[in-house]
Amino acid sequence: MKRQWRDSLPMGKMQNKTTRKYQHEVIELSDRDRVAFVTALVNPSAPNKRLVKASQAYMEILKNKKR
C-alpha cells in the first residue's frame, strides 16, 4: 500500500498548528481492494447484534444527556 501525504493548504508563514489539521492522507488501493471498498459502501452488510446493542446504548446516553 503506497501512502502519500499532501497538504490541502498552501505552505508558508501562515501555516501553524491550527491549519495542520487540514492535512490528509491519500492511500492508493489495488484493483481488488478498490472493488471491495466500493462494494461495501454501495451494499453494506446488516449490523450484527453487538453493533445494534452498542448503538442502542449510545442513543440512551444521548437521551440522558439532554435531560
N, C-alpha and C. Protein backbone atom coordinates (compact mmCIF):
# COMPACT_ATOMS: atom_id res chain seq x y z
N MET A 1 0.84 -1.17 0.00
CA MET A 1 0.00 0.00 0.00
C MET A 1 0.89 1.24 0.00
N LYS A 2 0.77 2.06 -0.98
CA LYS A 2 1.58 3.26 -1.12
C LYS A 2 0.86 4.43 -0.45
N ARG A 3 1.56 5.16 0.41
CA ARG A 3 0.96 6.30 1.09
C ARG A 3 1.64 7.58 0.67
N GLN A 4 0.85 8.60 0.52
CA GLN A 4 1.37 9.92 0.21
C GLN A 4 0.72 10.93 1.15
N TRP A 5 1.52 11.83 1.66
CA TRP A 5 0.99 12.91 2.48
C TRP A 5 0.92 14.16 1.64
N ARG A 6 -0.21 14.80 1.65
CA ARG A 6 -0.38 16.04 0.90
C ARG A 6 -0.98 17.09 1.81
N ASP A 7 -0.65 18.30 1.53
CA ASP A 7 -1.17 19.41 2.30
C ASP A 7 -2.29 20.04 1.51
N SER A 8 -3.43 20.24 2.14
CA SER A 8 -4.54 20.87 1.43
C SER A 8 -4.47 22.39 1.50
N LEU A 9 -3.57 22.91 2.31
CA LEU A 9 -3.40 24.36 2.41
C LEU A 9 -2.01 24.74 1.92
N PRO A 10 -1.86 25.97 1.41
CA PRO A 10 -0.54 26.40 0.94
C PRO A 10 0.47 26.46 2.08
N MET A 11 1.70 26.12 1.78
CA MET A 11 2.77 26.18 2.77
C MET A 11 3.19 27.63 2.95
N GLY A 12 3.77 27.93 4.06
CA GLY A 12 4.27 29.28 4.27
C GLY A 12 4.12 29.70 5.70
N LYS A 13 4.34 30.99 5.92
CA LYS A 13 4.31 31.53 7.28
C LYS A 13 2.94 31.41 7.93
N MET A 14 1.88 31.36 7.13
CA MET A 14 0.53 31.30 7.69
C MET A 14 0.19 29.93 8.27
N GLN A 15 0.96 28.89 7.89
CA GLN A 15 0.65 27.55 8.38
C GLN A 15 1.12 27.42 9.83
N ASN A 16 0.23 27.02 10.70
CA ASN A 16 0.57 26.81 12.10
C ASN A 16 -0.17 25.56 12.58
N LYS A 17 -0.22 25.38 13.89
CA LYS A 17 -0.84 24.17 14.43
C LYS A 17 -2.31 24.04 14.05
N THR A 18 -3.02 25.14 13.94
CA THR A 18 -4.45 25.05 13.61
C THR A 18 -4.67 24.68 12.16
N THR A 19 -3.81 25.07 11.25
CA THR A 19 -4.01 24.72 9.85
C THR A 19 -3.51 23.32 9.54
N ARG A 20 -2.67 22.76 10.37
CA ARG A 20 -2.16 21.41 10.12
C ARG A 20 -3.25 20.36 10.20
N LYS A 21 -4.36 20.67 10.87
CA LYS A 21 -5.44 19.69 10.98
C LYS A 21 -6.08 19.39 9.63
N TYR A 22 -5.83 20.21 8.63
CA TYR A 22 -6.40 20.01 7.31
C TYR A 22 -5.56 19.08 6.44
N GLN A 23 -4.43 18.59 6.96
CA GLN A 23 -3.64 17.64 6.18
C GLN A 23 -4.44 16.35 6.06
N HIS A 24 -4.24 15.64 4.98
CA HIS A 24 -4.94 14.38 4.79
C HIS A 24 -4.02 13.36 4.16
N GLU A 25 -4.44 12.14 4.19
CA GLU A 25 -3.64 11.03 3.68
C GLU A 25 -4.31 10.46 2.44
N VAL A 26 -3.52 10.19 1.42
CA VAL A 26 -4.02 9.56 0.20
C VAL A 26 -3.49 8.13 0.17
N ILE A 27 -4.39 7.18 0.05
CA ILE A 27 -3.99 5.78 0.01
C ILE A 27 -4.37 5.23 -1.36
N GLU A 28 -3.41 4.68 -2.05
CA GLU A 28 -3.67 4.08 -3.35
C GLU A 28 -4.00 2.60 -3.15
N LEU A 29 -5.17 2.19 -3.62
CA LEU A 29 -5.62 0.81 -3.43
C LEU A 29 -5.39 -0.01 -4.69
N SER A 30 -5.23 -1.31 -4.48
CA SER A 30 -5.16 -2.22 -5.63
C SER A 30 -6.57 -2.32 -6.23
N ASP A 31 -6.67 -2.86 -7.41
CA ASP A 31 -7.99 -3.02 -8.05
C ASP A 31 -8.91 -3.87 -7.18
N ARG A 32 -8.39 -4.94 -6.63
CA ARG A 32 -9.19 -5.84 -5.79
C ARG A 32 -9.69 -5.11 -4.54
N ASP A 33 -8.80 -4.35 -3.89
CA ASP A 33 -9.18 -3.61 -2.69
C ASP A 33 -10.18 -2.51 -3.01
N ARG A 34 -10.02 -1.85 -4.15
CA ARG A 34 -10.94 -0.79 -4.56
C ARG A 34 -12.34 -1.36 -4.77
N VAL A 35 -12.43 -2.51 -5.42
CA VAL A 35 -13.74 -3.14 -5.65
C VAL A 35 -14.37 -3.52 -4.31
N ALA A 36 -13.58 -4.09 -3.41
CA ALA A 36 -14.11 -4.48 -2.10
C ALA A 36 -14.60 -3.26 -1.32
N PHE A 37 -13.86 -2.16 -1.37
CA PHE A 37 -14.23 -0.94 -0.66
C PHE A 37 -15.53 -0.36 -1.20
N VAL A 38 -15.62 -0.23 -2.51
CA VAL A 38 -16.82 0.36 -3.12
C VAL A 38 -18.02 -0.56 -2.92
N THR A 39 -17.82 -1.86 -3.01
CA THR A 39 -18.91 -2.81 -2.79
C THR A 39 -19.46 -2.67 -1.37
N ALA A 40 -18.57 -2.51 -0.40
CA ALA A 40 -19.01 -2.34 0.99
C ALA A 40 -19.77 -1.04 1.18
N LEU A 41 -19.38 0.00 0.45
CA LEU A 41 -20.10 1.27 0.55
C LEU A 41 -21.48 1.20 -0.10
N VAL A 42 -21.55 0.58 -1.27
CA VAL A 42 -22.80 0.53 -2.03
C VAL A 42 -23.77 -0.49 -1.44
N ASN A 43 -23.25 -1.60 -0.94
CA ASN A 43 -24.09 -2.67 -0.43
C ASN A 43 -23.58 -3.11 0.95
N PRO A 44 -23.80 -2.27 1.97
CA PRO A 44 -23.27 -2.62 3.30
C PRO A 44 -24.01 -3.81 3.91
N SER A 45 -23.28 -4.57 4.71
CA SER A 45 -23.92 -5.70 5.39
C SER A 45 -24.77 -5.17 6.55
N ALA A 46 -25.70 -5.98 6.98
CA ALA A 46 -26.58 -5.60 8.09
C ALA A 46 -25.76 -5.54 9.38
N PRO A 47 -26.11 -4.66 10.30
CA PRO A 47 -25.38 -4.58 11.56
C PRO A 47 -25.59 -5.86 12.38
N ASN A 48 -24.51 -6.31 13.04
CA ASN A 48 -24.64 -7.50 13.88
C ASN A 48 -25.23 -7.13 15.24
N LYS A 49 -25.47 -8.12 16.08
CA LYS A 49 -26.13 -7.88 17.37
C LYS A 49 -25.31 -6.95 18.27
N ARG A 50 -24.00 -7.09 18.26
CA ARG A 50 -23.16 -6.23 19.11
C ARG A 50 -23.24 -4.78 18.68
N LEU A 51 -23.27 -4.52 17.39
CA LEU A 51 -23.37 -3.15 16.90
C LEU A 51 -24.74 -2.55 17.24
N VAL A 52 -25.79 -3.33 17.09
CA VAL A 52 -27.13 -2.84 17.43
C VAL A 52 -27.19 -2.50 18.91
N LYS A 53 -26.65 -3.37 19.75
CA LYS A 53 -26.66 -3.14 21.19
C LYS A 53 -25.84 -1.90 21.54
N ALA A 54 -24.69 -1.73 20.92
CA ALA A 54 -23.85 -0.56 21.18
C ALA A 54 -24.56 0.72 20.73
N SER A 55 -25.23 0.67 19.62
CA SER A 55 -25.97 1.83 19.11
C SER A 55 -27.10 2.20 20.06
N GLN A 56 -27.80 1.23 20.54
CA GLN A 56 -28.89 1.49 21.47
C GLN A 56 -28.36 2.09 22.77
N ALA A 57 -27.24 1.57 23.26
CA ALA A 57 -26.63 2.10 24.49
C ALA A 57 -26.19 3.55 24.28
N TYR A 58 -25.63 3.84 23.12
CA TYR A 58 -25.20 5.19 22.81
C TYR A 58 -26.39 6.15 22.72
N MET A 59 -27.44 5.72 22.08
CA MET A 59 -28.63 6.56 21.97
C MET A 59 -29.23 6.84 23.35
N GLU A 60 -29.17 5.87 24.23
CA GLU A 60 -29.66 6.06 25.60
C GLU A 60 -28.82 7.09 26.35
N ILE A 61 -27.50 7.04 26.14
CA ILE A 61 -26.60 8.03 26.74
C ILE A 61 -26.95 9.42 26.24
N LEU A 62 -27.15 9.57 24.94
CA LEU A 62 -27.51 10.87 24.38
C LEU A 62 -28.83 11.37 24.93
N LYS A 63 -29.79 10.46 25.05
CA LYS A 63 -31.10 10.84 25.57
C LYS A 63 -30.99 11.33 27.02
N ASN A 64 -30.15 10.68 27.81
CA ASN A 64 -29.97 11.07 29.20
C ASN A 64 -29.21 12.39 29.33
N LYS A 65 -28.34 12.71 28.39
CA LYS A 65 -27.59 13.97 28.46
C LYS A 65 -28.49 15.17 28.20
N LYS A 66 -29.55 14.98 27.42
CA LYS A 66 -30.46 16.08 27.10
C LYS A 66 -31.30 16.51 28.31
N ARG A 67 -31.39 15.66 29.29
CA ARG A 67 -32.20 15.95 30.47
C ARG A 67 -31.54 16.92 31.39
